[in-house]
């Protein structure tokens, strides 16, 4: 893919390899990455 995972650095873990095992961690990482769904990270609004 040209969009996902292309910039992974050596030694980093692909999150898709671990997400099935820790749902709480997934939720936490998404919230952190979007700063609790801040408007600054919003790229579109639908119905």
ModelCIF file with pLDDT and N, C-alpha, C, O atoms, coordinates in Angstrom:
data_MODEL
#
_entry.id   MODEL 
#
_entity.id                         1 
_entity.type                       polymer 
_entity.pdbx_number_of_molecules   1 
#
_entity_poly.entity_id                      1 
_entity_poly.type                           'polypeptide(L)' 
_entity_poly.nstd_linkage                   no 
_entity_poly.nstd_monomer                   no 
_entity_poly.pdbx_seq_one_letter_code       
;(UNK)(UNK)(UNK)(UNK)(UNK)(UNK)(UNK)(UNK)(UNK)(UNK)(UNK)(UNK)(UNK)(UNK)(UNK)(UNK)
(UNK)(UNK)(UNK)(UNK)(UNK)(UNK)(UNK)(UNK)(UNK)(UNK)(UNK)(UNK)(UNK)(UNK)(UNK)(UNK)
(UNK)(UNK)(UNK)(UNK)(UNK)(UNK)(UNK)(UNK)(UNK)(UNK)(UNK)(UNK)(UNK)(UNK)(UNK)
;
_entity_poly.pdbx_seq_one_letter_code_can   XXXXXXXXXXXXXXXXXXXXXXXXXXXXXXXXXXXXXXXXXXXXXXX 
_entity_poly.pdbx_strand_id                 A 
#
loop_
_entity_poly_seq.entity_id 
_entity_poly_seq.num 
_entity_poly_seq.mon_id 
_entity_poly_seq.hetero 
1 1  UNK n 
1 2  UNK n 
1 3  UNK n 
1 4  UNK n 
1 5  UNK n 
1 6  UNK n 
1 7  UNK n 
1 8  UNK n 
1 9  UNK n 
1 10 UNK n 
1 11 UNK n 
1 12 UNK n 
1 13 UNK n 
1 14 UNK n 
1 15 UNK n 
1 16 UNK n 
1 17 UNK n 
1 18 UNK n 
1 19 UNK n 
1 20 UNK n 
1 21 UNK n 
1 22 UNK n 
1 23 UNK n 
1 24 UNK n 
1 25 UNK n 
1 26 UNK n 
1 27 UNK n 
1 28 UNK n 
1 29 UNK n 
1 30 UNK n 
1 31 UNK n 
1 32 UNK n 
1 33 UNK n 
1 34 UNK n 
1 35 UNK n 
1 36 UNK n 
1 37 UNK n 
1 38 UNK n 
1 39 UNK n 
1 40 UNK n 
1 41 UNK n 
1 42 UNK n 
1 43 UNK n 
1 44 UNK n 
1 45 UNK n 
1 46 UNK n 
1 47 UNK n 
#
_struct_asym.id          A 
_struct_asym.entity_id   1 
#
loop_
_ma_qa_metric.id 
_ma_qa_metric.mode 
_ma_qa_metric.name 
_ma_qa_metric.software_group_id 
_ma_qa_metric.type 
1 global pLDDT . pLDDT 
2 local  pLDDT . pLDDT 
#
_ma_qa_metric_global.metric_id      1 
_ma_qa_metric_global.metric_value   65.94 
_ma_qa_metric_global.model_id       1 
_ma_qa_metric_global.ordinal_id     1 
#
loop_
_ma_qa_metric_local.label_asym_id 
_ma_qa_metric_local.label_comp_id 
_ma_qa_metric_local.label_seq_id 
_ma_qa_metric_local.metric_id 
_ma_qa_metric_local.metric_value 
_ma_qa_metric_local.model_id 
_ma_qa_metric_local.ordinal_id 
A UNK 1  2 41.00 1 1  
A UNK 2  2 40.00 1 2  
A UNK 3  2 40.00 1 3  
A UNK 4  2 40.00 1 4  
A UNK 5  2 37.00 1 5  
A UNK 6  2 41.00 1 6  
A UNK 7  2 40.00 1 7  
A UNK 8  2 39.00 1 8  
A UNK 9  2 42.00 1 9  
A UNK 10 2 39.00 1 10 
A UNK 11 2 39.00 1 11 
A UNK 12 2 43.00 1 12 
A UNK 13 2 44.00 1 13 
A UNK 14 2 51.00 1 14 
A UNK 15 2 50.00 1 15 
A UNK 16 2 47.00 1 16 
A UNK 17 2 43.00 1 17 
A UNK 18 2 39.00 1 18 
A UNK 19 2 46.00 1 19 
A UNK 20 2 47.00 1 20 
A UNK 21 2 40.00 1 21 
A UNK 22 2 49.00 1 22 
A UNK 23 2 58.00 1 23 
A UNK 24 2 70.00 1 24 
A UNK 25 2 75.00 1 25 
A UNK 26 2 77.00 1 26 
A UNK 27 2 80.00 1 27 
A UNK 28 2 85.00 1 28 
A UNK 29 2 88.00 1 29 
A UNK 30 2 90.00 1 30 
A UNK 31 2 91.00 1 31 
A UNK 32 2 94.00 1 32 
A UNK 33 2 95.00 1 33 
A UNK 34 2 96.00 1 34 
A UNK 35 2 96.00 1 35 
A UNK 36 2 93.00 1 36 
A UNK 37 2 93.00 1 37 
A UNK 38 2 95.00 1 38 
A UNK 39 2 95.00 1 39 
A UNK 40 2 96.00 1 40 
A UNK 41 2 96.00 1 41 
A UNK 42 2 95.00 1 42 
A UNK 43 2 92.00 1 43 
A UNK 44 2 87.00 1 44 
A UNK 45 2 83.00 1 45 
A UNK 46 2 74.00 1 46 
A UNK 47 2 68.00 1 47 
#
loop_
_atom_site.group_PDB 
_atom_site.id 
_atom_site.type_symbol 
_atom_site.label_atom_id 
_atom_site.label_alt_id 
_atom_site.label_comp_id 
_atom_site.label_asym_id 
_atom_site.label_entity_id 
_atom_site.label_seq_id 
_atom_site.pdbx_PDB_ins_code 
_atom_site.Cartn_x 
_atom_site.Cartn_y 
_atom_site.Cartn_z 
_atom_site.occupancy 
_atom_site.B_iso_or_equiv 
_atom_site.pdbx_formal_charge 
_atom_site.auth_seq_id 
_atom_site.auth_comp_id 
_atom_site.auth_asym_id 
_atom_site.auth_atom_id 
_atom_site.pdbx_PDB_model_num 
ATOM 1   N N  . UNK A 1 1  ? 0.833   -1.195 0.000  1.00 41.00 ? 1  UNK A N  1 
ATOM 2   C CA . UNK A 1 1  ? 0.000   0.000  0.000  1.00 41.00 ? 1  UNK A CA 1 
ATOM 3   C C  . UNK A 1 1  ? 0.866   1.243  0.000  1.00 41.00 ? 1  UNK A C  1 
ATOM 4   O O  . UNK A 1 1  ? 1.946   1.266  0.591  1.00 41.00 ? 1  UNK A O  1 
ATOM 5   N N  . UNK A 1 2  ? 0.378   2.280  -0.674 1.00 40.00 ? 2  UNK A N  1 
ATOM 6   C CA . UNK A 1 2  ? 1.107   3.539  -0.685 1.00 40.00 ? 2  UNK A CA 1 
ATOM 7   C C  . UNK A 1 2  ? 0.769   4.375  0.525  1.00 40.00 ? 2  UNK A C  1 
ATOM 8   O O  . UNK A 1 2  ? 1.396   5.410  0.754  1.00 40.00 ? 2  UNK A O  1 
ATOM 9   N N  . UNK A 1 3  ? -0.222  3.945  1.319  1.00 40.00 ? 3  UNK A N  1 
ATOM 10  C CA . UNK A 1 3  ? -0.704  4.775  2.407  1.00 40.00 ? 3  UNK A CA 1 
ATOM 11  C C  . UNK A 1 3  ? -0.402  4.212  3.782  1.00 40.00 ? 3  UNK A C  1 
ATOM 12  O O  . UNK A 1 3  ? -0.215  4.983  4.723  1.00 40.00 ? 3  UNK A O  1 
ATOM 13  N N  . UNK A 1 4  ? -0.347  2.911  3.934  1.00 40.00 ? 4  UNK A N  1 
ATOM 14  C CA . UNK A 1 4  ? -0.273  2.312  5.260  1.00 40.00 ? 4  UNK A CA 1 
ATOM 15  C C  . UNK A 1 4  ? 1.041   1.578  5.440  1.00 40.00 ? 4  UNK A C  1 
ATOM 16  O O  . UNK A 1 4  ? 1.395   0.714  4.638  1.00 40.00 ? 4  UNK A O  1 
ATOM 17  N N  . UNK A 1 5  ? 1.762   1.924  6.497  1.00 37.00 ? 5  UNK A N  1 
ATOM 18  C CA . UNK A 1 5  ? 2.923   1.157  6.889  1.00 37.00 ? 5  UNK A CA 1 
ATOM 19  C C  . UNK A 1 5  ? 4.153   1.378  6.041  1.00 37.00 ? 5  UNK A C  1 
ATOM 20  O O  . UNK A 1 5  ? 5.156   0.696  6.248  1.00 37.00 ? 5  UNK A O  1 
ATOM 21  N N  . UNK A 1 6  ? 4.124   2.299  5.098  1.00 41.00 ? 6  UNK A N  1 
ATOM 22  C CA . UNK A 1 6  ? 5.262   2.439  4.208  1.00 41.00 ? 6  UNK A CA 1 
ATOM 23  C C  . UNK A 1 6  ? 6.442   3.123  4.878  1.00 41.00 ? 6  UNK A C  1 
ATOM 24  O O  . UNK A 1 6  ? 7.568   3.032  4.389  1.00 41.00 ? 6  UNK A O  1 
ATOM 25  N N  . UNK A 1 7  ? 6.197   3.814  5.998  1.00 40.00 ? 7  UNK A N  1 
ATOM 26  C CA . UNK A 1 7  ? 7.275   4.530  6.651  1.00 40.00 ? 7  UNK A CA 1 
ATOM 27  C C  . UNK A 1 7  ? 7.735   3.855  7.937  1.00 40.00 ? 7  UNK A C  1 
ATOM 28  O O  . UNK A 1 7  ? 8.457   4.460  8.729  1.00 40.00 ? 7  UNK A O  1 
ATOM 29  N N  . UNK A 1 8  ? 7.324   2.609  8.152  1.00 39.00 ? 8  UNK A N  1 
ATOM 30  C CA . UNK A 1 8  ? 7.736   1.908  9.366  1.00 39.00 ? 8  UNK A CA 1 
ATOM 31  C C  . UNK A 1 8  ? 9.251   1.818  9.440  1.00 39.00 ? 8  UNK A C  1 
ATOM 32  O O  . UNK A 1 8  ? 9.906   1.511  8.444  1.00 39.00 ? 8  UNK A O  1 
ATOM 33  N N  . UNK A 1 9  ? 9.803   2.078  10.593 1.00 42.00 ? 9  UNK A N  1 
ATOM 34  C CA . UNK A 1 9  ? 11.231  2.001  10.800 1.00 42.00 ? 9  UNK A CA 1 
ATOM 35  C C  . UNK A 1 9  ? 11.604  0.634  11.348 1.00 42.00 ? 9  UNK A C  1 
ATOM 36  O O  . UNK A 1 9  ? 10.774  -0.023 11.977 1.00 42.00 ? 9  UNK A O  1 
ATOM 37  N N  . UNK A 1 10 ? 12.842  0.191  11.122 1.00 39.00 ? 10 UNK A N  1 
ATOM 38  C CA . UNK A 1 10 ? 13.266  -1.099 11.662 1.00 39.00 ? 10 UNK A CA 1 
ATOM 39  C C  . UNK A 1 10 ? 13.078  -1.149 13.168 1.00 39.00 ? 10 UNK A C  1 
ATOM 40  O O  . UNK A 1 10 ? 13.384  -0.190 13.878 1.00 39.00 ? 10 UNK A O  1 
ATOM 41  N N  . UNK A 1 11 ? 12.573  -2.275 13.647 1.00 39.00 ? 11 UNK A N  1 
ATOM 42  C CA . UNK A 1 11 ? 12.397  -2.442 15.083 1.00 39.00 ? 11 UNK A CA 1 
ATOM 43  C C  . UNK A 1 11 ? 11.034  -2.047 15.585 1.00 39.00 ? 11 UNK A C  1 
ATOM 44  O O  . UNK A 1 11 ? 10.677  -2.349 16.724 1.00 39.00 ? 11 UNK A O  1 
ATOM 45  N N  . UNK A 1 12 ? 10.249  -1.360 14.733 1.00 43.00 ? 12 UNK A N  1 
ATOM 46  C CA . UNK A 1 12 ? 8.905   -0.986 15.155 1.00 43.00 ? 12 UNK A CA 1 
ATOM 47  C C  . UNK A 1 12 ? 7.930   -2.120 14.874 1.00 43.00 ? 12 UNK A C  1 
ATOM 48  O O  . UNK A 1 12 ? 8.135   -2.912 13.954 1.00 43.00 ? 12 UNK A O  1 
ATOM 49  N N  . UNK A 1 13 ? 6.879   -2.193 15.664 1.00 44.00 ? 13 UNK A N  1 
ATOM 50  C CA . UNK A 1 13 ? 5.909   -3.273 15.548 1.00 44.00 ? 13 UNK A CA 1 
ATOM 51  C C  . UNK A 1 13 ? 4.709   -2.808 14.752 1.00 44.00 ? 13 UNK A C  1 
ATOM 52  O O  . UNK A 1 13 ? 4.145   -1.750 15.032 1.00 44.00 ? 13 UNK A O  1 
ATOM 53  N N  . UNK A 1 14 ? 4.317   -3.588 13.766 1.00 51.00 ? 14 UNK A N  1 
ATOM 54  C CA . UNK A 1 14 ? 3.094   -3.308 13.030 1.00 51.00 ? 14 UNK A CA 1 
ATOM 55  C C  . UNK A 1 14 ? 1.914   -3.590 13.955 1.00 51.00 ? 14 UNK A C  1 
ATOM 56  O O  . UNK A 1 14 ? 1.738   -4.713 14.428 1.00 51.00 ? 14 UNK A O  1 
ATOM 57  N N  . UNK A 1 15 ? 1.111   -2.563 14.206 1.00 50.00 ? 15 UNK A N  1 
ATOM 58  C CA . UNK A 1 15 ? 0.051   -2.703 15.206 1.00 50.00 ? 15 UNK A CA 1 
ATOM 59  C C  . UNK A 1 15 ? -0.985  -3.753 14.828 1.00 50.00 ? 15 UNK A C  1 
ATOM 60  O O  . UNK A 1 15 ? -1.646  -4.307 15.707 1.00 50.00 ? 15 UNK A O  1 
ATOM 61  N N  . UNK A 1 16 ? -1.140  -4.038 13.539 1.00 47.00 ? 16 UNK A N  1 
ATOM 62  C CA . UNK A 1 16 ? -2.114  -5.049 13.163 1.00 47.00 ? 16 UNK A CA 1 
ATOM 63  C C  . UNK A 1 16 ? -1.710  -6.424 13.659 1.00 47.00 ? 16 UNK A C  1 
ATOM 64  O O  . UNK A 1 16 ? -2.540  -7.330 13.729 1.00 47.00 ? 16 UNK A O  1 
ATOM 65  N N  . UNK A 1 17 ? -0.427  -6.587 14.007 1.00 43.00 ? 17 UNK A N  1 
ATOM 66  C CA . UNK A 1 17 ? 0.018   -7.869 14.530 1.00 43.00 ? 17 UNK A CA 1 
ATOM 67  C C  . UNK A 1 17 ? -0.373  -8.073 15.985 1.00 43.00 ? 17 UNK A C  1 
ATOM 68  O O  . UNK A 1 17 ? -0.346  -9.204 16.470 1.00 43.00 ? 17 UNK A O  1 
ATOM 69  N N  . UNK A 1 18 ? -0.738  -6.998 16.700 1.00 39.00 ? 18 UNK A N  1 
ATOM 70  C CA . UNK A 1 18 ? -1.023  -7.144 18.127 1.00 39.00 ? 18 UNK A CA 1 
ATOM 71  C C  . UNK A 1 18 ? -2.426  -6.700 18.515 1.00 39.00 ? 18 UNK A C  1 
ATOM 72  O O  . UNK A 1 18 ? -2.869  -6.983 19.628 1.00 39.00 ? 18 UNK A O  1 
ATOM 73  N N  . UNK A 1 19 ? -3.142  -6.007 17.619 1.00 46.00 ? 19 UNK A N  1 
ATOM 74  C CA . UNK A 1 19 ? -4.411  -5.410 18.006 1.00 46.00 ? 19 UNK A CA 1 
ATOM 75  C C  . UNK A 1 19 ? -5.439  -6.445 18.440 1.00 46.00 ? 19 UNK A C  1 
ATOM 76  O O  . UNK A 1 19 ? -6.241  -6.180 19.335 1.00 46.00 ? 19 UNK A O  1 
ATOM 77  N N  . UNK A 1 20 ? -5.427  -7.595 17.831 1.00 47.00 ? 20 UNK A N  1 
ATOM 78  C CA . UNK A 1 20 ? -6.419  -8.602 18.207 1.00 47.00 ? 20 UNK A CA 1 
ATOM 79  C C  . UNK A 1 20 ? -6.321  -9.004 19.667 1.00 47.00 ? 20 UNK A C  1 
ATOM 80  O O  . UNK A 1 20 ? -7.272  -9.539 20.236 1.00 47.00 ? 20 UNK A O  1 
ATOM 81  N N  . UNK A 1 21 ? -5.173  -8.746 20.270 1.00 40.00 ? 21 UNK A N  1 
ATOM 82  C CA . UNK A 1 21 ? -4.942  -9.250 21.620 1.00 40.00 ? 21 UNK A CA 1 
ATOM 83  C C  . UNK A 1 21 ? -5.180  -8.203 22.708 1.00 40.00 ? 21 UNK A C  1 
ATOM 84  O O  . UNK A 1 21 ? -5.225  -8.548 23.889 1.00 40.00 ? 21 UNK A O  1 
ATOM 85  N N  . UNK A 1 22 ? -5.331  -6.957 22.340 1.00 49.00 ? 22 UNK A N  1 
ATOM 86  C CA . UNK A 1 22 ? -5.476  -5.922 23.362 1.00 49.00 ? 22 UNK A CA 1 
ATOM 87  C C  . UNK A 1 22 ? -6.350  -4.789 22.841 1.00 49.00 ? 22 UNK A C  1 
ATOM 88  O O  . UNK A 1 22 ? -5.848  -3.777 22.352 1.00 49.00 ? 22 UNK A O  1 
ATOM 89  N N  . UNK A 1 23 ? -7.662  -4.969 22.950 1.00 58.00 ? 23 UNK A N  1 
ATOM 90  C CA . UNK A 1 23 ? -8.577  -3.964 22.469 1.00 58.00 ? 23 UNK A CA 1 
ATOM 91  C C  . UNK A 1 23 ? -8.457  -2.642 23.193 1.00 58.00 ? 23 UNK A C  1 
ATOM 92  O O  . UNK A 1 23 ? -8.580  -1.582 22.578 1.00 58.00 ? 23 UNK A O  1 
ATOM 93  N N  . UNK A 1 24 ? -8.221  -2.690 24.476 1.00 70.00 ? 24 UNK A N  1 
ATOM 94  C CA . UNK A 1 24 ? -8.079  -1.455 25.244 1.00 70.00 ? 24 UNK A CA 1 
ATOM 95  C C  . UNK A 1 24 ? -6.891  -0.638 24.723 1.00 70.00 ? 24 UNK A C  1 
ATOM 96  O O  . UNK A 1 24 ? -6.952  0.591  24.680 1.00 70.00 ? 24 UNK A O  1 
ATOM 97  N N  . UNK A 1 25 ? -5.821  -1.319 24.331 1.00 75.00 ? 25 UNK A N  1 
ATOM 98  C CA . UNK A 1 25 ? -4.646  -0.626 23.820 1.00 75.00 ? 25 UNK A CA 1 
ATOM 99  C C  . UNK A 1 25 ? -4.951  0.048  22.485 1.00 75.00 ? 25 UNK A C  1 
ATOM 100 O O  . UNK A 1 25 ? -4.472  1.148  22.212 1.00 75.00 ? 25 UNK A O  1 
ATOM 101 N N  . UNK A 1 26 ? -5.748  -0.619 21.660 1.00 77.00 ? 26 UNK A N  1 
ATOM 102 C CA . UNK A 1 26 ? -6.146  -0.024 20.388 1.00 77.00 ? 26 UNK A CA 1 
ATOM 103 C C  . UNK A 1 26 ? -6.910  1.271  20.634 1.00 77.00 ? 26 UNK A C  1 
ATOM 104 O O  . UNK A 1 26 ? -6.607  2.310  20.048 1.00 77.00 ? 26 UNK A O  1 
ATOM 105 N N  . UNK A 1 27 ? -7.896  1.189  21.503 1.00 80.00 ? 27 UNK A N  1 
ATOM 106 C CA . UNK A 1 27 ? -8.711  2.365  21.790 1.00 80.00 ? 27 UNK A CA 1 
ATOM 107 C C  . UNK A 1 27 ? -7.829  3.508  22.298 1.00 80.00 ? 27 UNK A C  1 
ATOM 108 O O  . UNK A 1 27 ? -7.979  4.654  21.874 1.00 80.00 ? 27 UNK A O  1 
ATOM 109 N N  . UNK A 1 28 ? -6.921  3.189  23.198 1.00 85.00 ? 28 UNK A N  1 
ATOM 110 C CA . UNK A 1 28 ? -6.047  4.207  23.770 1.00 85.00 ? 28 UNK A CA 1 
ATOM 111 C C  . UNK A 1 28 ? -5.174  4.853  22.699 1.00 85.00 ? 28 UNK A C  1 
ATOM 112 O O  . UNK A 1 28 ? -5.006  6.072  22.686 1.00 85.00 ? 28 UNK A O  1 
ATOM 113 N N  . UNK A 1 29 ? -4.617  4.042  21.801 1.00 88.00 ? 29 UNK A N  1 
ATOM 114 C CA . UNK A 1 29 ? -3.731  4.580  20.768 1.00 88.00 ? 29 UNK A CA 1 
ATOM 115 C C  . UNK A 1 29 ? -4.479  5.467  19.774 1.00 88.00 ? 29 UNK A C  1 
ATOM 116 O O  . UNK A 1 29 ? -3.948  6.484  19.326 1.00 88.00 ? 29 UNK A O  1 
ATOM 117 N N  . UNK A 1 30 ? -5.706  5.085  19.429 1.00 90.00 ? 30 UNK A N  1 
ATOM 118 C CA . UNK A 1 30 ? -6.503  5.905  18.522 1.00 90.00 ? 30 UNK A CA 1 
ATOM 119 C C  . UNK A 1 30 ? -6.847  7.242  19.171 1.00 90.00 ? 30 UNK A C  1 
ATOM 120 O O  . UNK A 1 30 ? -6.750  8.292  18.535 1.00 90.00 ? 30 UNK A O  1 
ATOM 121 N N  . UNK A 1 31 ? -7.247  7.196  20.436 1.00 91.00 ? 31 UNK A N  1 
ATOM 122 C CA . UNK A 1 31 ? -7.596  8.427  21.152 1.00 91.00 ? 31 UNK A CA 1 
ATOM 123 C C  . UNK A 1 31 ? -6.376  9.332  21.271 1.00 91.00 ? 31 UNK A C  1 
ATOM 124 O O  . UNK A 1 31 ? -6.484  10.543 21.077 1.00 91.00 ? 31 UNK A O  1 
ATOM 125 N N  . UNK A 1 32 ? -5.221  8.760  21.587 1.00 94.00 ? 32 UNK A N  1 
ATOM 126 C CA . UNK A 1 32 ? -3.999  9.552  21.696 1.00 94.00 ? 32 UNK A CA 1 
ATOM 127 C C  . UNK A 1 32 ? -3.611  10.155 20.349 1.00 94.00 ? 32 UNK A C  1 
ATOM 128 O O  . UNK A 1 32 ? -3.233  11.324 20.275 1.00 94.00 ? 32 UNK A O  1 
ATOM 129 N N  . UNK A 1 33 ? -3.705  9.363  19.293 1.00 95.00 ? 33 UNK A N  1 
ATOM 130 C CA . UNK A 1 33 ? -3.291  9.833  17.966 1.00 95.00 ? 33 UNK A CA 1 
ATOM 131 C C  . UNK A 1 33 ? -4.164  10.972 17.459 1.00 95.00 ? 33 UNK A C  1 
ATOM 132 O O  . UNK A 1 33 ? -3.700  11.823 16.701 1.00 95.00 ? 33 UNK A O  1 
ATOM 133 N N  . UNK A 1 34 ? -5.428  10.990 17.876 1.00 96.00 ? 34 UNK A N  1 
ATOM 134 C CA . UNK A 1 34 ? -6.343  12.044 17.434 1.00 96.00 ? 34 UNK A CA 1 
ATOM 135 C C  . UNK A 1 34 ? -6.536  13.121 18.505 1.00 96.00 ? 34 UNK A C  1 
ATOM 136 O O  . UNK A 1 34 ? -7.366  14.018 18.353 1.00 96.00 ? 34 UNK A O  1 
ATOM 137 N N  . UNK A 1 35 ? -5.761  13.022 19.591 1.00 96.00 ? 35 UNK A N  1 
ATOM 138 C CA . UNK A 1 35 ? -5.896  13.955 20.727 1.00 96.00 ? 35 UNK A CA 1 
ATOM 139 C C  . UNK A 1 35 ? -7.361  14.036 21.161 1.00 96.00 ? 35 UNK A C  1 
ATOM 140 O O  . UNK A 1 35 ? -7.963  15.106 21.246 1.00 96.00 ? 35 UNK A O  1 
ATOM 141 N N  . UNK A 1 36 ? -7.900  12.836 21.432 1.00 93.00 ? 36 UNK A N  1 
ATOM 142 C CA . UNK A 1 36 ? -9.291  12.691 21.858 1.00 93.00 ? 36 UNK A CA 1 
ATOM 143 C C  . UNK A 1 36 ? -10.243 13.285 20.820 1.00 93.00 ? 36 UNK A C  1 
ATOM 144 O O  . UNK A 1 36 ? -11.181 14.009 21.153 1.00 93.00 ? 36 UNK A O  1 
ATOM 145 N N  . UNK A 1 37 ? -9.976  12.958 19.558 1.00 93.00 ? 37 UNK A N  1 
ATOM 146 C CA . UNK A 1 37 ? -10.803 13.376 18.434 1.00 93.00 ? 37 UNK A CA 1 
ATOM 147 C C  . UNK A 1 37 ? -10.934 14.907 18.369 1.00 93.00 ? 37 UNK A C  1 
ATOM 148 O O  . UNK A 1 37 ? -12.025 15.469 18.280 1.00 93.00 ? 37 UNK A O  1 
ATOM 149 N N  . UNK A 1 38 ? -9.769  15.535 18.418 1.00 95.00 ? 38 UNK A N  1 
ATOM 150 C CA . UNK A 1 38 ? -9.699  16.990 18.319 1.00 95.00 ? 38 UNK A CA 1 
ATOM 151 C C  . UNK A 1 38 ? -10.018 17.453 16.902 1.00 95.00 ? 38 UNK A C  1 
ATOM 152 O O  . UNK A 1 38 ? -9.748  16.742 15.934 1.00 95.00 ? 38 UNK A O  1 
ATOM 153 N N  . UNK A 1 39 ? -10.591 18.642 16.788 1.00 95.00 ? 39 UNK A N  1 
ATOM 154 C CA . UNK A 1 39 ? -10.920 19.203 15.479 1.00 95.00 ? 39 UNK A CA 1 
ATOM 155 C C  . UNK A 1 39 ? -9.681  19.368 14.601 1.00 95.00 ? 39 UNK A C  1 
ATOM 156 O O  . UNK A 1 39 ? -9.787  19.364 13.375 1.00 95.00 ? 39 UNK A O  1 
ATOM 157 N N  . UNK A 1 40 ? -8.526  19.512 15.212 1.00 96.00 ? 40 UNK A N  1 
ATOM 158 C CA . UNK A 1 40 ? -7.301  19.701 14.431 1.00 96.00 ? 40 UNK A CA 1 
ATOM 159 C C  . UNK A 1 40 ? -6.951  18.460 13.616 1.00 96.00 ? 40 UNK A C  1 
ATOM 160 O O  . UNK A 1 40 ? -6.187  18.548 12.655 1.00 96.00 ? 40 UNK A O  1 
ATOM 161 N N  . UNK A 1 41 ? -7.494  17.318 13.984 1.00 96.00 ? 41 UNK A N  1 
ATOM 162 C CA . UNK A 1 41 ? -7.238  16.075 13.257 1.00 96.00 ? 41 UNK A CA 1 
ATOM 163 C C  . UNK A 1 41 ? -8.411  15.663 12.374 1.00 96.00 ? 41 UNK A C  1 
ATOM 164 O O  . UNK A 1 41 ? -8.356  14.632 11.704 1.00 96.00 ? 41 UNK A O  1 
ATOM 165 N N  . UNK A 1 42 ? -9.465  16.464 12.375 1.00 95.00 ? 42 UNK A N  1 
ATOM 166 C CA . UNK A 1 42 ? -10.654 16.130 11.596 1.00 95.00 ? 42 UNK A CA 1 
ATOM 167 C C  . UNK A 1 42 ? -10.412 16.429 10.119 1.00 95.00 ? 42 UNK A C  1 
ATOM 168 O O  . UNK A 1 42 ? -9.975  17.525 9.767  1.00 95.00 ? 42 UNK A O  1 
ATOM 169 N N  . UNK A 1 43 ? -10.696 15.453 9.255  1.00 92.00 ? 43 UNK A N  1 
ATOM 170 C CA . UNK A 1 43 ? -10.481 15.636 7.818  1.00 92.00 ? 43 UNK A CA 1 
ATOM 171 C C  . UNK A 1 43 ? -11.784 15.536 7.027  1.00 92.00 ? 43 UNK A C  1 
ATOM 172 O O  . UNK A 1 43 ? -11.771 15.615 5.799  1.00 92.00 ? 43 UNK A O  1 
ATOM 173 N N  . UNK A 1 44 ? -12.903 15.365 7.720  1.00 87.00 ? 44 UNK A N  1 
ATOM 174 C CA . UNK A 1 44 ? -14.181 15.300 7.021  1.00 87.00 ? 44 UNK A CA 1 
ATOM 175 C C  . UNK A 1 44 ? -15.331 15.086 7.971  1.00 87.00 ? 44 UNK A C  1 
ATOM 176 O O  . UNK A 1 44 ? -15.180 14.453 9.017  1.00 87.00 ? 44 UNK A O  1 
ATOM 177 N N  . UNK A 1 45 ? -16.492 15.621 7.601  1.00 83.00 ? 45 UNK A N  1 
ATOM 178 C CA . UNK A 1 45 ? -17.698 15.468 8.413  1.00 83.00 ? 45 UNK A CA 1 
ATOM 179 C C  . UNK A 1 45 ? -18.817 14.981 7.517  1.00 83.00 ? 45 UNK A C  1 
ATOM 180 O O  . UNK A 1 45 ? -19.119 15.602 6.498  1.00 83.00 ? 45 UNK A O  1 
ATOM 181 N N  . UNK A 1 46 ? -19.438 13.860 7.897  1.00 74.00 ? 46 UNK A N  1 
ATOM 182 C CA . UNK A 1 46 ? -20.539 13.296 7.127  1.00 74.00 ? 46 UNK A CA 1 
ATOM 183 C C  . UNK A 1 46 ? -21.831 13.323 7.903  1.00 74.00 ? 46 UNK A C  1 
ATOM 184 O O  . UNK A 1 46 ? -21.906 13.887 8.994  1.00 74.00 ? 46 UNK A O  1 
ATOM 185 N N  . UNK A 1 47 ? -22.855 12.705 7.328  1.00 68.00 ? 47 UNK A N  1 
ATOM 186 C CA . UNK A 1 47 ? -24.163 12.734 7.945  1.00 68.00 ? 47 UNK A CA 1 
ATOM 187 C C  . UNK A 1 47 ? -24.244 11.955 9.242  1.00 68.00 ? 47 UNK A C  1 
ATOM 188 O O  . UNK A 1 47 ? -25.304 11.902 9.865  1.00 68.00 ? 47 UNK A O  1 
#
